[in-house]
Amino acid sequence: MWVHRSGEFYQERPVVIYEYQKDRDHQKPLEFYRDYKGILVTDGLQQYHLVDKKLPDVTNANCWAHARRDFADAVKAMDKKDPSAVHSSVAYTALQKIGGFYTADTELKKLSSEERLQKRQEIIQPMVEDFFAWVKEQLSQCTVPPKSKTGQGLQYLVNQELYLKVFLTNGDVPIDNSASERSIRTFCIGKKNWMFHNTANGASASAMVYSISETAKLNSLRPYYYFRHILTELPKRCDVNGKINPAELDDLMPWSEELPDECRKPRR
């Protein structure tokens, strides 16, 4: 299940789309984003880098939450074996440095895109440059085994450096793709409920339902009442062949101001 989400800072008409595909071949995102112009925030899968290379209007940015995972795993394993060694480890130091980026960036979330970019370049960019210099120093000095979790984490950072720095060039780019991860988690929570749904049509139907329900939530709607409304209205718009003109659906979109009040979550 591929999940595509509008950016974390894009609040006007947020949308999340679930798309079922049989595999993870790069042709799938290449087809989906063929007309897209902008920045695509992802993990470090090579498929996304190929999209960046083959679509001139797409720039791939990598996620810092994924960049820290190997270090988090290393610290967790070390904490079980030798807790006293954790704070002096390379993995712990890496986590602390990455945590500094997050702390600084969190304080900028309420700023405008322009102000956020300015502050990122003033405050966070020097931290990131110093961090990558430190990472390369650890690798050159062979301070950790290359096949260890920490060694793999350091090499991942060097390989993805270009993509991990993209958020420093655009104030609308989040530091990670945690918003998408939250949308993925919603689907994963229900896995056992449909473990026997074993057809492509069923998976595609699930993707459609989740796209509507999760987009409704992002737009502060109550999914049950929104579904009830659109399922009541859609049959009225069918022509004699059972087809609907997409141009006549604007008032049913999750961001439409014409939706009934019962579809909206109460304001706090």
C-alpha atoms as a PDB file:
ATOM      1  CA  MET A   1       0.000   0.000   0.000  1.00  0.00           C
ATOM      2  CA  TRP A   2       1.614   3.243  -1.173  1.00  0.00           C
ATOM      3  CA  VAL A   3       0.637   6.344   0.813  1.00  0.00           C
ATOM      4  CA  HIS A   4       0.942   9.845  -0.638  1.00  0.00           C
ATOM      5  CA  ARG A   5       0.307  12.890   1.579  1.00  0.00           C
ATOM      6  CA  SER A   6       0.340  16.629   1.166  1.00  0.00           C
ATOM      7  CA  GLY A   7       3.062  18.406   3.108  1.00  0.00           C
ATOM      8  CA  GLU A   8       2.858  18.903   6.851  1.00  0.00           C
ATOM      9  CA  PHE A   9       2.864  22.698   6.451  1.00  0.00           C
ATOM     10  CA  TYR A  10       0.201  22.658   3.724  1.00  0.00           C
ATOM     11  CA  GLN A  11      -2.986  23.308   5.690  1.00  0.00           C
ATOM     12  CA  GLU A  12      -5.359  24.786   3.101  1.00  0.00           C
ATOM     13  CA  ARG A  13      -6.555  21.536   1.451  1.00  0.00           C
ATOM     14  CA  PRO A  14      -4.652  18.647   3.031  1.00  0.00           C
ATOM     15  CA  VAL A  15      -5.071  15.284   1.346  1.00  0.00           C
ATOM     16  CA  VAL A  16      -3.828  11.718   1.796  1.00  0.00           C
ATOM     17  CA  ILE A  17      -4.100   9.092  -0.942  1.00  0.00           C
ATOM     18  CA  TYR A  18      -3.721   5.339  -0.439  1.00  0.00           C
ATOM     19  CA  GLU A  19      -2.796   3.423  -3.569  1.00  0.00           C
ATOM     20  CA  TYR A  20      -2.564  -0.348  -3.824  1.00  0.00           C
ATOM     21  CA  GLN A  21       0.171  -1.796  -6.041  1.00  0.00           C
ATOM     22  CA  LYS A  22       1.480  -5.358  -6.260  1.00  0.00           C
ATOM     23  CA  ASP A  23       5.123  -4.376  -5.756  1.00  0.00           C
ATOM     24  CA  ARG A  24       7.534  -1.543  -4.910  1.00  0.00           C
ATOM     25  CA  ASP A  25       9.003  -1.007  -8.362  1.00  0.00           C
ATOM     26  CA  HIS A  26      10.113   2.563  -9.083  1.00  0.00           C
ATOM     27  CA  GLN A  27       7.733   2.718 -12.046  1.00  0.00           C
ATOM     28  CA  LYS A  28       4.822   3.058  -9.582  1.00  0.00           C
ATOM     29  CA  PRO A  29       5.858   6.397  -8.011  1.00  0.00           C
ATOM     30  CA  LEU A  30       7.248   7.478 -11.389  1.00  0.00           C
ATOM     31  CA  GLU A  31       3.778   7.134 -12.890  1.00  0.00           C
ATOM     32  CA  PHE A  32       2.017   8.716  -9.909  1.00  0.00           C
ATOM     33  CA  TYR A  33       4.254  11.817  -9.841  1.00  0.00           C
ATOM     34  CA  ARG A  34       4.737  12.279 -13.599  1.00  0.00           C
ATOM     35  CA  ASP A  35       2.873  15.631 -13.544  1.00  0.00           C
ATOM     36  CA  TYR A  36       4.038  16.740 -10.100  1.00  0.00           C
ATOM     37  CA  LYS A  37       6.254  19.767  -9.630  1.00  0.00           C
ATOM     38  CA  GLY A  38       7.812  20.135  -6.226  1.00  0.00           C
ATOM     39  CA  ILE A  39       9.605  18.345  -3.403  1.00  0.00           C
ATOM     40  CA  LEU A  40       8.921  14.748  -2.425  1.00  0.00           C
ATOM     41  CA  VAL A  41       9.859  13.876   1.187  1.00  0.00           C
ATOM     42  CA  THR A  42      10.554  10.152   1.609  1.00  0.00           C
ATOM     43  CA  ASP A  43      12.753   7.569   3.272  1.00  0.00           C
ATOM     44  CA  GLY A  44      15.985   6.560   1.541  1.00  0.00           C
ATOM     45  CA  LEU A  45      14.650   3.932  -0.860  1.00  0.00           C
ATOM     46  CA  GLN A  46      16.407   4.004  -4.208  1.00  0.00           C
ATOM     47  CA  GLN A  47      13.032   4.041  -5.988  1.00  0.00           C
ATOM     48  CA  TYR A  48      12.475   7.631  -4.881  1.00  0.00           C
ATOM     49  CA  HIS A  49      15.939   8.737  -5.977  1.00  0.00           C
ATOM     50  CA  LEU A  50      15.139   7.343  -9.416  1.00  0.00           C
ATOM     51  CA  VAL A  51      11.986   9.482  -9.470  1.00  0.00           C
ATOM     52  CA  ASP A  52      14.176  12.487  -8.644  1.00  0.00           C
ATOM     53  CA  LYS A  53      16.526  11.645 -11.510  1.00  0.00           C
ATOM     54  CA  LYS A  54      13.873  10.833 -14.122  1.00  0.00           C
ATOM     55  CA  LEU A  55      11.383  13.616 -13.411  1.00  0.00           C
ATOM     56  CA  PRO A  56      13.079  17.012 -13.839  1.00  0.00           C
ATOM     57  CA  ASP A  57      10.439  18.889 -11.816  1.00  0.00           C
ATOM     58  CA  VAL A  58      10.673  16.599  -8.759  1.00  0.00           C
ATOM     59  CA  THR A  59      13.250  17.018  -5.991  1.00  0.00           C
ATOM     60  CA  ASN A  60      13.660  14.214  -3.474  1.00  0.00           C
ATOM     61  CA  ALA A  61      14.193  15.143   0.179  1.00  0.00           C
ATOM     62  CA  ASN A  62      15.025  12.520   2.779  1.00  0.00           C
ATOM     63  CA  CYS A  63      13.558  12.037   6.225  1.00  0.00           C
ATOM     64  CA  TRP A  64      15.665  12.658   9.343  1.00  0.00           C
ATOM     65  CA  ALA A  65      13.502  10.321  11.421  1.00  0.00           C
ATOM     66  CA  HIS A  66      14.653   7.462   9.183  1.00  0.00           C
ATOM     67  CA  ALA A  67      18.243   8.721   9.358  1.00  0.00           C
ATOM     68  CA  ARG A  68      18.314   8.280  13.138  1.00  0.00           C
ATOM     69  CA  ARG A  69      16.805   4.774  13.287  1.00  0.00           C
ATOM     70  CA  ASP A  70      20.032   2.748  13.127  1.00  0.00           C
ATOM     71  CA  PHE A  71      21.471   4.812  15.976  1.00  0.00           C
ATOM     72  CA  ALA A  72      18.311   4.367  18.043  1.00  0.00           C
ATOM     73  CA  ASP A  73      18.499   0.595  17.481  1.00  0.00           C
ATOM     74  CA  ALA A  74      22.178   0.563  18.455  1.00  0.00           C
ATOM     75  CA  VAL A  75      21.531   2.474  21.673  1.00  0.00           C
ATOM     76  CA  LYS A  76      18.615   0.199  22.554  1.00  0.00           C
ATOM     77  CA  ALA A  77      20.754  -2.913  22.077  1.00  0.00           C
ATOM     78  CA  MET A  78      23.649  -1.381  24.011  1.00  0.00           C
ATOM     79  CA  ASP A  79      21.371  -0.394  26.870  1.00  0.00           C
ATOM     80  CA  LYS A  80      20.511  -4.064  27.376  1.00  0.00           C
ATOM     81  CA  LYS A  81      24.108  -5.322  27.230  1.00  0.00           C
ATOM     82  CA  ASP A  82      26.180  -2.513  28.746  1.00  0.00           C
ATOM     83  CA  PRO A  83      24.150   0.499  29.960  1.00  0.00           C
ATOM     84  CA  SER A  84      27.279   2.241  31.280  1.00  0.00           C
ATOM     85  CA  ALA A  85      28.700   2.519  27.757  1.00  0.00           C
ATOM     86  CA  VAL A  86      25.668   4.163  26.169  1.00  0.00           C
ATOM     87  CA  HIS A  87      26.452   7.833  26.829  1.00  0.00           C
ATOM     88  CA  SER A  88      29.989   7.565  25.488  1.00  0.00           C
ATOM     89  CA  SER A  89      28.948   5.774  22.300  1.00  0.00           C
ATOM     90  CA  VAL A  90      29.002   7.196  18.778  1.00  0.00           C
ATOM     91  CA  ALA A  91      25.353   6.200  18.313  1.00  0.00           C
ATOM     92  CA  TYR A  92      24.245   8.167  21.391  1.00  0.00           C
ATOM     93  CA  THR A  93      26.253  11.207  20.269  1.00  0.00           C
ATOM     94  CA  ALA A  94      24.643  11.014  16.821  1.00  0.00           C
ATOM     95  CA  LEU A  95      21.170  10.904  18.365  1.00  0.00           C
ATOM     96  CA  GLN A  96      21.946  13.907  20.551  1.00  0.00           C
ATOM     97  CA  LYS A  97      23.170  15.927  17.583  1.00  0.00           C
ATOM     98  CA  ILE A  98      20.137  15.032  15.441  1.00  0.00           C
ATOM     99  CA  GLY A  99      17.921  15.821  18.425  1.00  0.00           C
ATOM    100  CA  GLY A 100      19.405  19.323  18.385  1.00  0.00           C
ATOM    101  CA  PHE A 101      18.106  19.841  14.826  1.00  0.00           C
ATOM    102  CA  TYR A 102      14.650  18.711  15.887  1.00  0.00           C
ATOM    103  CA  THR A 103      14.551  20.942  18.955  1.00  0.00           C
ATOM    104  CA  ALA A 104      15.532  23.975  16.913  1.00  0.00           C
ATOM    105  CA  ASP A 105      13.137  23.162  14.068  1.00  0.00           C
ATOM    106  CA  THR A 106      10.175  22.544  16.383  1.00  0.00           C
ATOM    107  CA  GLU A 107      10.467  26.114  17.623  1.00  0.00           C
ATOM    108  CA  LEU A 108      10.069  27.356  14.036  1.00  0.00           C
ATOM    109  CA  LYS A 109       6.834  25.547  13.156  1.00  0.00           C
ATOM    110  CA  LYS A 110       4.543  28.512  13.771  1.00  0.00           C
ATOM    111  CA  LEU A 111       6.579  30.845  11.568  1.00  0.00           C
ATOM    112  CA  SER A 112       5.811  31.644   7.946  1.00  0.00           C
ATOM    113  CA  SER A 113       7.626  29.668   5.265  1.00  0.00           C
ATOM    114  CA  GLU A 114       9.995  32.575   4.560  1.00  0.00           C
ATOM    115  CA  GLU A 115      10.791  33.162   8.227  1.00  0.00           C
ATOM    116  CA  ARG A 116      11.260  29.433   8.848  1.00  0.00           C
ATOM    117  CA  LEU A 117      13.721  29.162   5.971  1.00  0.00           C
ATOM    118  CA  GLN A 118      15.701  32.161   7.193  1.00  0.00           C
ATOM    119  CA  LYS A 119      15.952  30.782  10.732  1.00  0.00           C
ATOM    120  CA  ARG A 120      16.838  27.301   9.482  1.00  0.00           C
ATOM    121  CA  GLN A 121      19.732  28.699   7.489  1.00  0.00           C
ATOM    122  CA  GLU A 122      20.880  30.862  10.402  1.00  0.00           C
ATOM    123  CA  ILE A 123      20.524  28.302  13.197  1.00  0.00           C
ATOM    124  CA  ILE A 124      20.183  24.756  11.883  1.00  0.00           C
ATOM    125  CA  GLN A 125      22.362  24.744   8.760  1.00  0.00           C
ATOM    126  CA  PRO A 126      25.637  25.293  10.698  1.00  0.00           C
ATOM    127  CA  MET A 127      24.604  22.467  13.050  1.00  0.00           C
ATOM    128  CA  VAL A 128      23.933  20.150  10.103  1.00  0.00           C
ATOM    129  CA  GLU A 129      27.252  20.998   8.413  1.00  0.00           C
ATOM    130  CA  ASP A 130      29.167  20.355  11.647  1.00  0.00           C
ATOM    131  CA  PHE A 131      27.280  17.101  12.081  1.00  0.00           C
ATOM    132  CA  PHE A 132      28.207  15.759   8.639  1.00  0.00           C
ATOM    133  CA  ALA A 133      31.843  16.751   9.219  1.00  0.00           C
ATOM    134  CA  TRP A 134      31.722  14.740  12.462  1.00  0.00           C
ATOM    135  CA  VAL A 135      30.074  11.763  10.697  1.00  0.00           C
ATOM    136  CA  LYS A 136      32.795  11.664   8.028  1.00  0.00           C
ATOM    137  CA  GLU A 137      35.457  11.921  10.713  1.00  0.00           C
ATOM    138  CA  GLN A 138      34.017   8.870  12.504  1.00  0.00           C
ATOM    139  CA  LEU A 139      34.072   6.906   9.243  1.00  0.00           C
ATOM    140  CA  SER A 140      37.610   7.973   8.328  1.00  0.00           C
ATOM    141  CA  GLN A 141      38.905   7.009  11.775  1.00  0.00           C
ATOM    142  CA  CYS A 142      37.056   3.651  11.665  1.00  0.00           C
ATOM    143  CA  THR A 143      35.757   4.228  15.196  1.00  0.00           C
ATOM    144  CA  VAL A 144      32.955   1.655  14.747  1.00  0.00           C
ATOM    145  CA  PRO A 145      32.649  -1.614  12.791  1.00  0.00           C
ATOM    146  CA  PRO A 146      31.154  -0.821   9.350  1.00  0.00           C
ATOM    147  CA  LYS A 147      28.606  -3.656   9.577  1.00  0.00           C
ATOM    148  CA  SER A 148      27.334  -2.639  13.007  1.00  0.00           C
ATOM    149  CA  LYS A 149      24.106  -0.668  13.372  1.00  0.00           C
ATOM    150  CA  THR A 150      26.114   2.455  14.139  1.00  0.00           C
ATOM    151  CA  GLY A 151      28.421   1.890  11.168  1.00  0.00           C
ATOM    152  CA  GLN A 152      25.447   1.375   8.861  1.00  0.00           C
ATOM    153  CA  GLY A 153      23.826   4.528  10.233  1.00  0.00           C
ATOM    154  CA  LEU A 154      26.945   6.608   9.559  1.00  0.00           C
ATOM    155  CA  GLN A 155      27.261   5.281   6.011  1.00  0.00           C
ATOM    156  CA  TYR A 156      23.548   5.905   5.381  1.00  0.00           C
ATOM    157  CA  LEU A 157      24.007   9.547   6.364  1.00  0.00           C
ATOM    158  CA  VAL A 158      26.904  10.037   3.964  1.00  0.00           C
ATOM    159  CA  ASN A 159      25.014   8.336   1.126  1.00  0.00           C
ATOM    160  CA  GLN A 160      21.903  10.454   1.721  1.00  0.00           C
ATOM    161  CA  GLU A 161      23.588  13.762   2.611  1.00  0.00           C
ATOM    162  CA  LEU A 162      22.330  15.645  -0.454  1.00  0.00           C
ATOM    163  CA  TYR A 163      18.718  14.575   0.179  1.00  0.00           C
ATOM    164  CA  LEU A 164      18.849  15.153   3.936  1.00  0.00           C
ATOM    165  CA  LYS A 165      19.866  18.785   3.424  1.00  0.00           C
ATOM    166  CA  VAL A 166      16.938  19.720   1.159  1.00  0.00           C
ATOM    167  CA  PHE A 167      14.824  20.951   4.089  1.00  0.00           C
ATOM    168  CA  LEU A 168      17.417  23.710   4.553  1.00  0.00           C
ATOM    169  CA  THR A 169      16.574  25.137   1.123  1.00  0.00           C
ATOM    170  CA  ASN A 170      12.777  25.434   1.430  1.00  0.00           C
ATOM    171  CA  GLY A 171      10.728  26.547   4.421  1.00  0.00           C
ATOM    172  CA  ASP A 172       7.740  24.430   3.373  1.00  0.00           C
ATOM    173  CA  VAL A 173       9.677  21.157   3.549  1.00  0.00           C
ATOM    174  CA  PRO A 174       9.334  19.320   6.882  1.00  0.00           C
ATOM    175  CA  ILE A 175      12.402  17.845   8.565  1.00  0.00           C
ATOM    176  CA  ASP A 176      10.898  14.367   8.222  1.00  0.00           C
ATOM    177  CA  ASN A 177       7.936  12.519   6.732  1.00  0.00           C
ATOM    178  CA  SER A 178       6.356  11.640  10.066  1.00  0.00           C
ATOM    179  CA  ALA A 179       3.008  12.964   8.818  1.00  0.00           C
ATOM    180  CA  SER A 180       3.004  10.213   6.176  1.00  0.00           C
ATOM    181  CA  GLU A 181       4.148   7.673   8.755  1.00  0.00           C
ATOM    182  CA  ARG A 182       1.110   8.554  10.875  1.00  0.00           C
ATOM    183  CA  SER A 183      -1.148   7.962   7.881  1.00  0.00           C
ATOM    184  CA  ILE A 184       0.547   4.618   7.221  1.00  0.00           C
ATOM    185  CA  ARG A 185       0.148   3.617  10.868  1.00  0.00           C
ATOM    186  CA  THR A 186      -3.611   4.182  10.689  1.00  0.00           C
ATOM    187  CA  PHE A 187      -3.866   1.565   7.954  1.00  0.00           C
ATOM    188  CA  CYS A 188      -1.470  -0.856   9.654  1.00  0.00           C
ATOM    189  CA  ILE A 189      -3.432  -0.851  12.913  1.00  0.00           C
ATOM    190  CA  GLY A 190      -6.285  -2.661  11.157  1.00  0.00           C
ATOM    191  CA  LYS A 191      -4.162  -5.281   9.382  1.00  0.00           C
ATOM    192  CA  LYS A 192      -5.619  -8.257  11.237  1.00  0.00           C
ATOM    193  CA  ASN A 193      -9.133  -7.139  10.410  1.00  0.00           C
ATOM    194  CA  TRP A 194      -8.602  -7.788   6.720  1.00  0.00           C
ATOM    195  CA  MET A 195      -5.882 -10.428   6.658  1.00  0.00           C
ATOM    196  CA  PHE A 196      -8.165 -12.643   4.581  1.00  0.00           C
ATOM    197  CA  HIS A 197      -8.947  -9.962   1.994  1.00  0.00           C
ATOM    198  CA  ASN A 198      -6.853 -11.499  -0.734  1.00  0.00           C
ATOM    199  CA  THR A 199      -7.850  -9.827  -3.989  1.00  0.00           C
ATOM    200  CA  ALA A 200      -6.391  -6.819  -5.781  1.00  0.00           C
ATOM    201  CA  ASN A 201      -9.889  -5.343  -6.156  1.00  0.00           C
ATOM    202  CA  GLY A 202     -10.425  -5.601  -2.407  1.00  0.00           C
ATOM    203  CA  ALA A 203      -7.121  -3.894  -1.698  1.00  0.00           C
ATOM    204  CA  SER A 204      -7.954  -1.109  -4.145  1.00  0.00           C
ATOM    205  CA  ALA A 205     -11.362  -0.654  -2.530  1.00  0.00           C
ATOM    206  CA  SER A 206      -9.706  -0.389   0.898  1.00  0.00           C
ATOM    207  CA  ALA A 207      -7.314   2.203  -0.501  1.00  0.00           C
ATOM    208  CA  MET A 208     -10.233   4.296  -1.772  1.00  0.00           C
ATOM    209  CA  VAL A 209     -12.107   4.149   1.529  1.00  0.00           C
ATOM    210  CA  TYR A 210      -9.014   5.044   3.541  1.00  0.00           C
ATOM    211  CA  SER A 211      -8.177   7.918   1.186  1.00  0.00           C
ATOM    212  CA  ILE A 212     -11.593   9.444   1.843  1.00  0.00           C
ATOM    213  CA  SER A 213     -11.710   8.817   5.599  1.00  0.00           C
ATOM    214  CA  GLU A 214      -8.162  10.006   6.347  1.00  0.00           C
ATOM    215  CA  THR A 215      -8.494  13.081   4.140  1.00  0.00           C
ATOM    216  CA  ALA A 216     -11.734  13.855   5.959  1.00  0.00           C
ATOM    217  CA  LYS A 217      -9.880  13.723   9.292  1.00  0.00           C
ATOM    218  CA  LEU A 218      -7.141  16.028   7.997  1.00  0.00           C
ATOM    219  CA  ASN A 219      -9.855  18.541   7.094  1.00  0.00           C
ATOM    220  CA  SER A 220     -11.446  18.348  10.568  1.00  0.00           C
ATOM    221  CA  LEU A 221     -14.459  16.328   9.428  1.00  0.00           C
ATOM    222  CA  ARG A 222     -16.241  13.485  11.175  1.00  0.00           C
ATOM    223  CA  PRO A 223     -15.763  10.533   8.775  1.00  0.00           C
ATOM    224  CA  TYR A 224     -19.055   8.756   9.541  1.00  0.00           C
ATOM    225  CA  TYR A 225     -21.184  11.820   8.824  1.00  0.00           C
ATOM    226  CA  TYR A 226     -19.064  12.758   5.806  1.00  0.00           C
ATOM    227  CA  PHE A 227     -19.487   9.286   4.298  1.00  0.00           C
ATOM    228  CA  ARG A 228     -23.206   9.413   4.988  1.00  0.00           C
ATOM    229  CA  HIS A 229     -23.477  12.764   3.252  1.00  0.00           C
ATOM    230  CA  ILE A 230     -21.533  11.871   0.105  1.00  0.00           C
ATOM    231  CA  LEU A 231     -23.210   8.458  -0.228  1.00  0.00           C
ATOM    232  CA  THR A 232     -26.559  10.231  -0.055  1.00  0.00           C
ATOM    233  CA  GLU A 233     -25.616  12.905  -2.573  1.00  0.00           C
ATOM    234  CA  LEU A 234     -23.629  10.933  -5.157  1.00  0.00           C
ATOM    235  CA  PRO A 235     -26.573   8.848  -6.478  1.00  0.00           C
ATOM    236  CA  LYS A 236     -28.457  12.081  -7.195  1.00  0.00           C
ATOM    237  CA  ARG A 237     -25.685  13.177  -9.549  1.00  0.00           C
ATOM    238  CA  CYS A 238     -25.573  10.069 -11.732  1.00  0.00           C
ATOM    239  CA  ASP A 239     -26.642  10.383 -15.345  1.00  0.00           C
ATOM    240  CA  VAL A 240     -28.708   7.721 -17.125  1.00  0.00           C
ATOM    241  CA  ASN A 241     -25.545   5.622 -17.571  1.00  0.00           C
ATOM    242  CA  GLY A 242     -24.673   5.789 -13.880  1.00  0.00           C
ATOM    243  CA  LYS A 243     -21.730   8.141 -14.455  1.00  0.00           C
ATOM    244  CA  ILE A 244     -20.901  11.332 -12.574  1.00  0.00           C
ATOM    245  CA  ASN A 245     -19.236  14.438 -13.980  1.00  0.00           C
ATOM    246  CA  PRO A 246     -16.218  15.178 -11.719  1.00  0.00           C
ATOM    247  CA  ALA A 247     -16.709  18.910 -12.338  1.00  0.00           C
ATOM    248  CA  GLU A 248     -19.958  18.695 -10.334  1.00  0.00           C
ATOM    249  CA  LEU A 249     -18.313  17.364  -7.162  1.00  0.00           C
ATOM    250  CA  ASP A 250     -16.600  20.490  -5.821  1.00  0.00           C
ATOM    251  CA  ASP A 251     -19.231  21.002  -3.126  1.00  0.00           C
ATOM    252  CA  LEU A 252     -18.630  17.455  -1.829  1.00  0.00           C
ATOM    253  CA  MET A 253     -14.888  17.785  -1.406  1.00  0.00           C
ATOM    254  CA  PRO A 254     -13.601  17.505   2.200  1.00  0.00           C
ATOM    255  CA  TRP A 255     -12.580  21.177   2.190  1.00  0.00           C
ATOM    256  CA  SER A 256     -15.865  22.490   0.774  1.00  0.00           C
ATOM    257  CA  GLU A 257     -17.563  25.199   2.815  1.00  0.00           C
ATOM    258  CA  GLU A 258     -20.923  23.860   1.598  1.00  0.00           C
ATOM    259  CA  LEU A 259     -20.765  20.652   3.624  1.00  0.00           C
ATOM    260  CA  PRO A 260     -23.419  20.306   6.358  1.00  0.00           C
ATOM    261  CA  ASP A 261     -22.373  21.298   9.864  1.00  0.00           C
ATOM    262  CA  GLU A 262     -22.886  17.759  11.139  1.00  0.00           C
ATOM    263  CA  CYS A 263     -19.906  16.650   9.001  1.00  0.00           C
ATOM    264  CA  ARG A 264     -17.557  18.967  10.868  1.00  0.00           C
ATOM    265  CA  LYS A 265     -15.815  18.332  14.165  1.00  0.00           C
ATOM    266  CA  PRO A 266     -16.956  20.723  16.909  1.00  0.00           C
ATOM    267  CA  ARG A 267     -14.541  23.586  17.399  1.00  0.00           C
ATOM    268  CA  ARG A 268     -12.816  23.621  20.757  1.00  0.00           C
END
